[in-house]
All heavy atoms as atom14 arrays in JSON, in Angstrom:
{
  "sequence": "ELRASYPDYFMGKKKIELTPDIDVDGILTKMKDLYPNDEVSTVDGVK",
  "atom14_mask": [
    [1, 1, 1, 1, 1, 1, 1, 1, 1, 0, 0, 0, 0, 0],
    [1, 1, 1, 1, 1, 1, 1, 1, 0, 0, 0, 0, 0, 0],
    [1, 1, 1, 1, 1, 1, 1, 1, 1, 1, 1, 0, 0, 0],
    [1, 1, 1, 1, 1, 0, 0, 0, 0, 0, 0, 0, 0, 0],
    [1, 1, 1, 1, 1, 1, 0, 0, 0, 0, 0, 0, 0, 0],
    [1, 1, 1, 1, 1, 1, 1, 1, 1, 1, 1, 1, 0, 0],
    [1, 1, 1, 1, 1, 1, 1, 0, 0, 0, 0, 0, 0, 0],
    [1, 1, 1, 1, 1, 1, 1, 1, 0, 0, 0, 0, 0, 0],
    [1, 1, 1, 1, 1, 1, 1, 1, 1, 1, 1, 1, 0, 0],
    [1, 1, 1, 1, 1, 1, 1, 1, 1, 1, 1, 0, 0, 0],
    [1, 1, 1, 1, 1, 1, 1, 1, 0, 0, 0, 0, 0, 0],
    [1, 1, 1, 1, 0, 0, 0, 0, 0, 0, 0, 0, 0, 0],
    [1, 1, 1, 1, 1, 1, 1, 1, 1, 0, 0, 0, 0, 0],
    [1, 1, 1, 1, 1, 1, 1, 1, 1, 0, 0, 0, 0, 0],
    [1, 1, 1, 1, 1, 1, 1, 1, 1, 0, 0, 0, 0, 0],
    [1, 1, 1, 1, 1, 1, 1, 1, 0, 0, 0, 0, 0, 0],
    [1, 1, 1, 1, 1, 1, 1, 1, 1, 0, 0, 0, 0, 0],
    [1, 1, 1, 1, 1, 1, 1, 1, 0, 0, 0, 0, 0, 0],
    [1, 1, 1, 1, 1, 1, 1, 0, 0, 0, 0, 0, 0, 0],
    [1, 1, 1, 1, 1, 1, 1, 0, 0, 0, 0, 0, 0, 0],
    [1, 1, 1, 1, 1, 1, 1, 1, 0, 0, 0, 0, 0, 0],
    [1, 1, 1, 1, 1, 1, 1, 1, 0, 0, 0, 0, 0, 0],
    [1, 1, 1, 1, 1, 1, 1, 1, 0, 0, 0, 0, 0, 0],
    [1, 1, 1, 1, 1, 1, 1, 0, 0, 0, 0, 0, 0, 0],
    [1, 1, 1, 1, 1, 1, 1, 1, 0, 0, 0, 0, 0, 0],
    [1, 1, 1, 1, 0, 0, 0, 0, 0, 0, 0, 0, 0, 0],
    [1, 1, 1, 1, 1, 1, 1, 1, 0, 0, 0, 0, 0, 0],
    [1, 1, 1, 1, 1, 1, 1, 1, 0, 0, 0, 0, 0, 0],
    [1, 1, 1, 1, 1, 1, 1, 0, 0, 0, 0, 0, 0, 0],
    [1, 1, 1, 1, 1, 1, 1, 1, 1, 0, 0, 0, 0, 0],
    [1, 1, 1, 1, 1, 1, 1, 1, 0, 0, 0, 0, 0, 0],
    [1, 1, 1, 1, 1, 1, 1, 1, 1, 0, 0, 0, 0, 0],
    [1, 1, 1, 1, 1, 1, 1, 1, 0, 0, 0, 0, 0, 0],
    [1, 1, 1, 1, 1, 1, 1, 1, 0, 0, 0, 0, 0, 0],
    [1, 1, 1, 1, 1, 1, 1, 1, 1, 1, 1, 1, 0, 0],
    [1, 1, 1, 1, 1, 1, 1, 0, 0, 0, 0, 0, 0, 0],
    [1, 1, 1, 1, 1, 1, 1, 1, 0, 0, 0, 0, 0, 0],
    [1, 1, 1, 1, 1, 1, 1, 1, 0, 0, 0, 0, 0, 0],
    [1, 1, 1, 1, 1, 1, 1, 1, 1, 0, 0, 0, 0, 0],
    [1, 1, 1, 1, 1, 1, 1, 0, 0, 0, 0, 0, 0, 0],
    [1, 1, 1, 1, 1, 1, 0, 0, 0, 0, 0, 0, 0, 0],
    [1, 1, 1, 1, 1, 1, 1, 0, 0, 0, 0, 0, 0, 0],
    [1, 1, 1, 1, 1, 1, 1, 0, 0, 0, 0, 0, 0, 0],
    [1, 1, 1, 1, 1, 1, 1, 1, 0, 0, 0, 0, 0, 0],
    [1, 1, 1, 1, 0, 0, 0, 0, 0, 0, 0, 0, 0, 0],
    [1, 1, 1, 1, 1, 1, 1, 0, 0, 0, 0, 0, 0, 0],
    [1, 1, 1, 1, 1, 1, 1, 1, 1, 0, 0, 0, 0, 0]
  ],
  "atom14_positions": [
    [[0.84, -1.21, 0.0], [0.0, 0.0, 0.0], [0.86, 1.25, 0.0], [0.53, 2.24, -0.67], [-0.92, -0.01, 1.22], [-2.06, -1.01, 1.13], [-2.82, -1.17, 2.44], [-2.28, -0.78, 3.51], [-3.95, -1.71, 2.4], [0.0, 0.0, 0.0], [0.0, 0.0, 0.0], [0.0, 0.0, 0.0], [0.0, 0.0, 0.0], [0.0, 0.0, 0.0]],
    [[1.97, 1.21, 0.73], [2.87, 2.36, 0.74], [3.48, 2.57, -0.65], [3.53, 3.7, -1.14], [3.98, 2.14, 1.78], [4.9, 3.33, 2.03], [4.14, 4.52, 2.61], [6.04, 2.93, 2.97], [0.0, 0.0, 0.0], [0.0, 0.0, 0.0], [0.0, 0.0, 0.0], [0.0, 0.0, 0.0], [0.0, 0.0, 0.0], [0.0, 0.0, 0.0]],
    [[3.9, 1.48, -1.27], [4.49, 1.59, -2.62], [3.47, 2.14, -3.61], [3.82, 2.94, -4.49], [4.99, 0.21, -3.07], [5.49, 0.15, -4.53], [6.69, 1.06, -4.74], [7.09, 1.04, -6.14], [6.54, 1.78, -7.08], [5.53, 2.62, -6.78], [6.98, 1.71, -8.32], [0.0, 0.0, 0.0], [0.0, 0.0, 0.0], [0.0, 0.0, 0.0]],
    [[2.2, 1.77, -3.46], [1.15, 2.23, -4.38], [0.88, 3.72, -4.25], [0.26, 4.33, -5.14], [-0.13, 1.44, -4.14], [0.0, 0.0, 0.0], [0.0, 0.0, 0.0], [0.0, 0.0, 0.0], [0.0, 0.0, 0.0], [0.0, 0.0, 0.0], [0.0, 0.0, 0.0], [0.0, 0.0, 0.0], [0.0, 0.0, 0.0], [0.0, 0.0, 0.0]],
    [[1.36, 4.33, -3.16], [1.13, 5.77, -2.97], [2.13, 6.62, -3.74], [2.01, 7.85, -3.76], [1.21, 6.11, -1.47], [2.54, 5.99, -0.98], [0.0, 0.0, 0.0], [0.0, 0.0, 0.0], [0.0, 0.0, 0.0], [0.0, 0.0, 0.0], [0.0, 0.0, 0.0], [0.0, 0.0, 0.0], [0.0, 0.0, 0.0], [0.0, 0.0, 0.0]],
    [[3.1, 5.99, -4.4], [4.11, 6.73, -5.16], [3.9, 6.54, -6.65], [3.36, 5.52, -7.09], [5.53, 6.26, -4.76], [5.79, 6.4, -3.29], [6.15, 5.3, -2.52], [5.63, 7.62, -2.65], [6.37, 5.41, -1.16], [5.84, 7.75, -1.28], [6.2, 6.65, -0.54], [6.4, 6.77, 0.81], [0.0, 0.0, 0.0], [0.0, 0.0, 0.0]],
    [[4.29, 7.53, -7.45], [4.11, 7.41, -8.9], [4.94, 6.25, -9.46], [6.0, 5.93, -8.95], [4.62, 8.75, -9.43], [5.52, 9.28, -8.36], [4.95, 8.79, -7.07], [0.0, 0.0, 0.0], [0.0, 0.0, 0.0], [0.0, 0.0, 0.0], [0.0, 0.0, 0.0], [0.0, 0.0, 0.0], [0.0, 0.0, 0.0], [0.0, 0.0, 0.0]],
    [[4.41, 5.62, -10.5], [5.11, 4.5, -11.14], [5.98, 5.02, -12.28], [5.48, 5.6, -13.25], [4.1, 3.49, -11.7], [3.7, 2.45, -10.67], [4.56, 2.09, -9.85], [2.54, 2.04, -10.67], [0.0, 0.0, 0.0], [0.0, 0.0, 0.0], [0.0, 0.0, 0.0], [0.0, 0.0, 0.0], [0.0, 0.0, 0.0], [0.0, 0.0, 0.0]],
    [[7.27, 4.78, -12.16], [8.2, 5.08, -13.24], [8.96, 3.81, -13.58], [9.17, 2.94, -12.73], [9.19, 6.16, -12.83], [8.6, 7.55, -12.72], [8.39, 8.14, -11.48], [8.27, 8.27, -13.86], [7.86, 9.42, -11.37], [7.74, 9.55, -13.76], [7.54, 10.12, -12.51], [7.01, 11.38, -12.4], [0.0, 0.0, 0.0], [0.0, 0.0, 0.0]],
    [[9.4, 3.72, -14.84], [10.17, 2.57, -15.3], [11.46, 3.06, -15.95], [11.43, 4.03, -16.71], [9.35, 1.75, -16.3], [8.11, 1.16, -15.7], [6.94, 1.92, -15.57], [8.1, -0.15, -15.23], [5.8, 1.38, -15.01], [6.95, -0.7, -14.66], [5.8, 0.07, -14.56], [0.0, 0.0, 0.0], [0.0, 0.0, 0.0], [0.0, 0.0, 0.0]],
    [[12.56, 2.39, -15.64], [13.86, 2.84, -16.13], [14.4, 1.9, -17.2], [14.17, 0.69, -17.17], [14.87, 2.94, -14.98], [14.45, 3.92, -13.91], [15.78, 4.3, -12.74], [16.63, 5.58, -13.64], [0.0, 0.0, 0.0], [0.0, 0.0, 0.0], [0.0, 0.0, 0.0], [0.0, 0.0, 0.0], [0.0, 0.0, 0.0], [0.0, 0.0, 0.0]],
    [[15.1, 2.48, -18.15], [15.79, 1.71, -19.19], [17.27, 2.05, -19.18], [17.65, 3.18, -18.9], [0.0, 0.0, 0.0], [0.0, 0.0, 0.0], [0.0, 0.0, 0.0], [0.0, 0.0, 0.0], [0.0, 0.0, 0.0], [0.0, 0.0, 0.0], [0.0, 0.0, 0.0], [0.0, 0.0, 0.0], [0.0, 0.0, 0.0], [0.0, 0.0, 0.0]],
    [[18.1, 1.06, -19.48], [19.55, 1.27, -19.52], [20.09, 0.63, -20.79], [19.96, -0.57, -21.0], [20.21, 0.67, -18.27], [19.8, 1.36, -16.98], [20.49, 0.77, -15.75], [20.03, 1.47, -14.48], [20.69, 0.95, -13.26], [0.0, 0.0, 0.0], [0.0, 0.0, 0.0], [0.0, 0.0, 0.0], [0.0, 0.0, 0.0], [0.0, 0.0, 0.0]],
    [[20.68, 1.43, -21.62], [21.27, 0.97, -22.87], [22.65, 1.61, -23.04], [23.05, 2.47, -22.25], [20.37, 1.34, -24.07], [19.01, 0.65, -24.06], [18.16, 1.07, -25.26], [16.79, 0.39, -25.23], [16.87, -1.04, -25.55], [0.0, 0.0, 0.0], [0.0, 0.0, 0.0], [0.0, 0.0, 0.0], [0.0, 0.0, 0.0], [0.0, 0.0, 0.0]],
    [[23.37, 1.17, -24.05], [24.65, 1.79, -24.35], [24.9, 1.71, -25.84], [24.34, 0.87, -26.54], [25.79, 1.11, -23.59], [26.04, -0.34, -23.97], [27.16, -0.93, -23.12], [27.38, -2.41, -23.48], [28.46, -3.0, -22.66], [0.0, 0.0, 0.0], [0.0, 0.0, 0.0], [0.0, 0.0, 0.0], [0.0, 0.0, 0.0], [0.0, 0.0, 0.0]],
    [[25.72, 2.6, -26.33], [26.11, 2.58, -27.75], [27.63, 2.62, -27.82], [28.27, 3.48, -27.19], [25.47, 3.77, -28.52], [25.9, 3.74, -29.98], [25.76, 5.1, -27.88], [25.12, 4.69, -30.87], [0.0, 0.0, 0.0], [0.0, 0.0, 0.0], [0.0, 0.0, 0.0], [0.0, 0.0, 0.0], [0.0, 0.0, 0.0], [0.0, 0.0, 0.0]],
    [[28.2, 1.67, -28.52], [29.65, 1.6, -28.67], [30.06, 2.42, -29.89], [29.45, 2.34, -30.95], [30.09, 0.15, -28.81], [29.78, -0.69, -27.57], [30.34, -2.09, -27.65], [31.22, -2.31, -28.49], [29.9, -2.94, -26.86], [0.0, 0.0, 0.0], [0.0, 0.0, 0.0], [0.0, 0.0, 0.0], [0.0, 0.0, 0.0], [0.0, 0.0, 0.0]],
    [[31.1, 3.21, -29.71], [31.6, 4.1, -30.76], [33.03, 3.71, -31.12], [33.72, 3.06, -30.33], [31.55, 5.54, -30.28], [30.21, 6.03, -29.71], [30.38, 7.39, -29.06], [29.17, 6.1, -30.82], [0.0, 0.0, 0.0], [0.0, 0.0, 0.0], [0.0, 0.0, 0.0], [0.0, 0.0, 0.0], [0.0, 0.0, 0.0], [0.0, 0.0, 0.0]],
    [[33.48, 4.11, -32.26], [34.87, 3.85, -32.61], [35.78, 4.8, -31.82], [35.37, 5.94, -31.5], [35.1, 4.07, -34.12], [34.67, 5.39, -34.47], [34.3, 3.06, -34.92], [0.0, 0.0, 0.0], [0.0, 0.0, 0.0], [0.0, 0.0, 0.0], [0.0, 0.0, 0.0], [0.0, 0.0, 0.0], [0.0, 0.0, 0.0], [0.0, 0.0, 0.0]],
    [[37.0, 4.37, -31.49], [37.88, 5.18, -30.63], [38.19, 6.57, -31.16], [38.52, 7.47, -30.38], [39.16, 4.32, -30.55], [38.7, 2.92, -30.82], [37.59, 3.06, -31.81], [0.0, 0.0, 0.0], [0.0, 0.0, 0.0], [0.0, 0.0, 0.0], [0.0, 0.0, 0.0], [0.0, 0.0, 0.0], [0.0, 0.0, 0.0], [0.0, 0.0, 0.0]],
    [[38.07, 6.78, -32.46], [38.45, 8.09, -33.02], [37.31, 9.1, -32.95], [37.49, 10.27, -33.3], [38.87, 7.91, -34.49], [37.77, 7.3, -35.34], [37.11, 6.36, -34.86], [37.58, 7.77, -36.48], [0.0, 0.0, 0.0], [0.0, 0.0, 0.0], [0.0, 0.0, 0.0], [0.0, 0.0, 0.0], [0.0, 0.0, 0.0], [0.0, 0.0, 0.0]],
    [[36.15, 8.68, -32.48], [35.0, 9.6, -32.45], [35.1, 10.53, -31.23], [35.46, 10.11, -30.13], [33.68, 8.8, -32.43], [33.44, 8.23, -33.83], [32.51, 9.66, -32.01], [32.17, 7.41, -33.96], [0.0, 0.0, 0.0], [0.0, 0.0, 0.0], [0.0, 0.0, 0.0], [0.0, 0.0, 0.0], [0.0, 0.0, 0.0], [0.0, 0.0, 0.0]],
    [[34.76, 11.78, -31.42], [34.76, 12.79, -30.36], [33.46, 12.65, -29.55], [32.43, 13.21, -29.91], [34.88, 14.19, -30.97], [34.84, 15.29, -29.91], [34.9, 14.96, -28.7], [34.76, 16.47, -30.3], [0.0, 0.0, 0.0], [0.0, 0.0, 0.0], [0.0, 0.0, 0.0], [0.0, 0.0, 0.0], [0.0, 0.0, 0.0], [0.0, 0.0, 0.0]],
    [[33.53, 11.89, -28.45], [32.34, 11.62, -27.65], [31.79, 12.91, -27.05], [30.57, 13.15, -27.05], [32.64, 10.59, -26.54], [31.41, 10.36, -25.69], [33.13, 9.28, -27.15], [0.0, 0.0, 0.0], [0.0, 0.0, 0.0], [0.0, 0.0, 0.0], [0.0, 0.0, 0.0], [0.0, 0.0, 0.0], [0.0, 0.0, 0.0], [0.0, 0.0, 0.0]],
    [[32.67, 13.77, -26.53], [32.23, 15.04, -25.95], [31.51, 15.89, -27.0], [30.51, 16.56, -26.7], [33.41, 15.81, -25.37], [33.95, 15.17, -24.11], [33.13, 14.68, -23.3], [35.18, 15.13, -23.93], [0.0, 0.0, 0.0], [0.0, 0.0, 0.0], [0.0, 0.0, 0.0], [0.0, 0.0, 0.0], [0.0, 0.0, 0.0], [0.0, 0.0, 0.0]],
    [[32.03, 15.86, -28.21], [31.4, 16.63, -29.29], [30.0, 16.13, -29.61], [29.09, 16.92, -29.84], [0.0, 0.0, 0.0], [0.0, 0.0, 0.0], [0.0, 0.0, 0.0], [0.0, 0.0, 0.0], [0.0, 0.0, 0.0], [0.0, 0.0, 0.0], [0.0, 0.0, 0.0], [0.0, 0.0, 0.0], [0.0, 0.0, 0.0], [0.0, 0.0, 0.0]],
    [[29.84, 14.81, -29.58], [28.51, 14.23, -29.84], [27.53, 14.63, -28.74], [26.38, 14.99, -29.0], [28.61, 12.69, -29.95], [29.26, 12.31, -31.28], [27.23, 12.04, -29.82], [29.43, 10.83, -31.49], [0.0, 0.0, 0.0], [0.0, 0.0, 0.0], [0.0, 0.0, 0.0], [0.0, 0.0, 0.0], [0.0, 0.0, 0.0], [0.0, 0.0, 0.0]],
    [[27.99, 14.59, -27.49], [27.11, 14.97, -26.38], [26.69, 16.44, -26.49], [25.54, 16.8, -26.21], [27.8, 14.71, -25.04], [28.0, 13.23, -24.68], [28.75, 13.1, -23.35], [26.67, 12.49, -24.6], [0.0, 0.0, 0.0], [0.0, 0.0, 0.0], [0.0, 0.0, 0.0], [0.0, 0.0, 0.0], [0.0, 0.0, 0.0], [0.0, 0.0, 0.0]],
    [[27.62, 17.29, -26.92], [27.29, 18.7, -27.11], [26.23, 18.87, -28.21], [25.27, 19.65, -28.07], [28.55, 19.5, -27.48], [29.48, 19.42, -26.4], [28.21, 20.98, -27.72], [0.0, 0.0, 0.0], [0.0, 0.0, 0.0], [0.0, 0.0, 0.0], [0.0, 0.0, 0.0], [0.0, 0.0, 0.0], [0.0, 0.0, 0.0], [0.0, 0.0, 0.0]],
    [[26.39, 18.12, -29.29], [25.41, 18.2, -30.37], [24.03, 17.7, -29.91], [23.01, 18.27, -30.28], [25.89, 17.37, -31.57], [27.09, 17.96, -32.3], [27.55, 17.04, -33.42], [28.78, 17.6, -34.13], [29.28, 16.66, -35.17], [0.0, 0.0, 0.0], [0.0, 0.0, 0.0], [0.0, 0.0, 0.0], [0.0, 0.0, 0.0], [0.0, 0.0, 0.0]],
    [[24.03, 16.65, -29.08], [22.76, 16.15, -28.56], [22.08, 17.2, -27.7], [20.87, 17.41, -27.79], [23.0, 14.87, -27.75], [23.33, 13.65, -28.58], [21.97, 13.12, -29.66], [20.78, 12.53, -28.45], [0.0, 0.0, 0.0], [0.0, 0.0, 0.0], [0.0, 0.0, 0.0], [0.0, 0.0, 0.0], [0.0, 0.0, 0.0], [0.0, 0.0, 0.0]],
    [[22.86, 17.89, -26.88], [22.3, 18.96, -26.04], [21.66, 20.04, -26.91], [20.56, 20.53, -26.62], [23.41, 19.56, -25.18], [23.01, 20.82, -24.42], [24.17, 21.36, -23.6], [25.26, 21.97, -24.43], [24.91, 23.32, -24.94], [0.0, 0.0, 0.0], [0.0, 0.0, 0.0], [0.0, 0.0, 0.0], [0.0, 0.0, 0.0], [0.0, 0.0, 0.0]],
    [[22.34, 20.39, -27.99], [21.87, 21.48, -28.85], [20.59, 21.12, -29.6], [19.9, 22.02, -30.11], [22.97, 21.86, -29.85], [24.17, 22.5, -29.15], [24.01, 22.95, -28.0], [25.26, 22.52, -29.75], [0.0, 0.0, 0.0], [0.0, 0.0, 0.0], [0.0, 0.0, 0.0], [0.0, 0.0, 0.0], [0.0, 0.0, 0.0], [0.0, 0.0, 0.0]],
    [[20.28, 19.81, -29.69], [19.06, 19.39, -30.38], [17.8, 19.72, -29.58], [16.69, 19.68, -30.12], [19.09, 17.88, -30.65], [20.07, 17.38, -31.71], [20.03, 15.85, -31.78], [19.75, 17.98, -33.08], [0.0, 0.0, 0.0], [0.0, 0.0, 0.0], [0.0, 0.0, 0.0], [0.0, 0.0, 0.0], [0.0, 0.0, 0.0], [0.0, 0.0, 0.0]],
    [[17.97, 20.07, -28.29], [16.8, 20.26, -27.42], [16.87, 21.61, -26.7], [16.91, 21.69, -25.47], [16.73, 19.12, -26.39], [16.61, 17.77, -27.05], [17.74, 16.98, -27.25], [15.38, 17.29, -27.48], [17.65, 15.74, -27.87], [15.28, 16.05, -28.11], [16.42, 15.29, -28.3], [16.31, 14.07, -28.92], [0.0, 0.0, 0.0], [0.0, 0.0, 0.0]],
    [[16.85, 22.72, -27.46], [16.98, 24.05, -26.85], [15.79, 24.45, -25.99], [15.91, 25.33, -25.14], [17.13, 24.98, -28.06], [16.43, 24.26, -29.17], [16.7, 22.8, -28.93], [0.0, 0.0, 0.0], [0.0, 0.0, 0.0], [0.0, 0.0, 0.0], [0.0, 0.0, 0.0], [0.0, 0.0, 0.0], [0.0, 0.0, 0.0], [0.0, 0.0, 0.0]],
    [[14.64, 23.81, -26.19], [13.42, 24.2, -25.47], [13.11, 23.3, -24.28], [12.08, 23.45, -23.63], [12.23, 24.22, -26.43], [12.41, 25.22, -27.56], [12.91, 26.32, -27.33], [12.04, 24.83, -28.77], [0.0, 0.0, 0.0], [0.0, 0.0, 0.0], [0.0, 0.0, 0.0], [0.0, 0.0, 0.0], [0.0, 0.0, 0.0], [0.0, 0.0, 0.0]],
    [[14.01, 22.35, -24.01], [13.79, 21.44, -22.89], [14.8, 21.73, -21.78], [15.8, 22.42, -21.99], [13.92, 19.98, -23.36], [12.81, 19.58, -24.31], [11.66, 19.5, -23.86], [13.1, 19.36, -25.51], [0.0, 0.0, 0.0], [0.0, 0.0, 0.0], [0.0, 0.0, 0.0], [0.0, 0.0, 0.0], [0.0, 0.0, 0.0], [0.0, 0.0, 0.0]],
    [[14.51, 21.19, -20.59], [15.4, 21.37, -19.44], [16.6, 20.44, -19.6], [16.46, 19.22, -19.62], [14.64, 21.03, -18.15], [15.43, 21.28, -16.88], [14.64, 20.88, -15.65], [13.39, 20.87, -15.71], [15.28, 20.57, -14.62], [0.0, 0.0, 0.0], [0.0, 0.0, 0.0], [0.0, 0.0, 0.0], [0.0, 0.0, 0.0], [0.0, 0.0, 0.0]],
    [[17.79, 21.04, -19.75], [19.0, 20.25, -20.01], [20.04, 20.52, -18.93], [20.3, 21.67, -18.58], [19.59, 20.57, -21.4], [20.88, 19.8, -21.63], [18.57, 20.26, -22.5], [0.0, 0.0, 0.0], [0.0, 0.0, 0.0], [0.0, 0.0, 0.0], [0.0, 0.0, 0.0], [0.0, 0.0, 0.0], [0.0, 0.0, 0.0], [0.0, 0.0, 0.0]],
    [[20.65, 19.45, -18.41], [21.75, 19.58, -17.45], [23.01, 18.99, -18.06], [22.98, 17.92, -18.67], [21.42, 18.84, -16.15], [22.58, 18.74, -15.33], [0.0, 0.0, 0.0], [0.0, 0.0, 0.0], [0.0, 0.0, 0.0], [0.0, 0.0, 0.0], [0.0, 0.0, 0.0], [0.0, 0.0, 0.0], [0.0, 0.0, 0.0], [0.0, 0.0, 0.0]],
    [[24.12, 19.7, -17.87], [25.42, 19.2, -18.34], [26.37, 18.99, -17.16], [27.59, 18.98, -17.33], [26.05, 20.18, -19.35], [26.15, 21.48, -18.74], [25.2, 20.28, -20.61], [0.0, 0.0, 0.0], [0.0, 0.0, 0.0], [0.0, 0.0, 0.0], [0.0, 0.0, 0.0], [0.0, 0.0, 0.0], [0.0, 0.0, 0.0], [0.0, 0.0, 0.0]],
    [[25.81, 18.79, -15.98], [26.63, 18.54, -14.78], [27.44, 17.26, -14.93], [28.58, 17.16, -14.49], [25.73, 18.47, -13.53], [26.48, 17.93, -12.32], [25.15, 19.84, -13.22], [0.0, 0.0, 0.0], [0.0, 0.0, 0.0], [0.0, 0.0, 0.0], [0.0, 0.0, 0.0], [0.0, 0.0, 0.0], [0.0, 0.0, 0.0], [0.0, 0.0, 0.0]],
    [[26.83, 16.25, -15.56], [27.46, 14.95, -15.7], [26.97, 14.35, -17.0], [25.92, 13.72, -17.05], [27.08, 14.06, -14.5], [27.76, 12.7, -14.52], [28.6, 12.46, -15.41], [27.44, 11.87, -13.65], [0.0, 0.0, 0.0], [0.0, 0.0, 0.0], [0.0, 0.0, 0.0], [0.0, 0.0, 0.0], [0.0, 0.0, 0.0], [0.0, 0.0, 0.0]],
    [[27.72, 14.58, -18.09], [27.21, 14.19, -19.4], [26.1, 15.14, -19.8], [26.18, 16.35, -19.58], [0.0, 0.0, 0.0], [0.0, 0.0, 0.0], [0.0, 0.0, 0.0], [0.0, 0.0, 0.0], [0.0, 0.0, 0.0], [0.0, 0.0, 0.0], [0.0, 0.0, 0.0], [0.0, 0.0, 0.0], [0.0, 0.0, 0.0], [0.0, 0.0, 0.0]],
    [[25.04, 14.61, -20.37], [23.88, 15.42, -20.78], [22.61, 14.73, -20.3], [22.36, 13.57, -20.64], [23.83, 15.6, -22.31], [22.54, 16.33, -22.71], [25.04, 16.36, -22.81], [0.0, 0.0, 0.0], [0.0, 0.0, 0.0], [0.0, 0.0, 0.0], [0.0, 0.0, 0.0], [0.0, 0.0, 0.0], [0.0, 0.0, 0.0], [0.0, 0.0, 0.0]],
    [[21.82, 15.44, -19.49], [20.51, 14.93, -19.1], [19.44, 15.87, -19.65], [19.51, 17.08, -19.44], [20.36, 14.82, -17.58], [18.99, 14.25, -17.19], [18.83, 14.01, -15.72], [17.47, 13.38, -15.41], [17.26, 13.13, -13.97], [0.0, 0.0, 0.0], [0.0, 0.0, 0.0], [0.0, 0.0, 0.0], [0.0, 0.0, 0.0], [0.0, 0.0, 0.0]]
  ]
}
């Protein structure tokens, strides 16, 4: 009953392997720029 009083969320965990020569930081920056109207955090990667 206590658990039912909280909202239900479900989590997913995936990963994508990249070639060593790819600029991972650059890709994360581009991903951030795709969502200018959403709440974005760059404290640790991009959320």
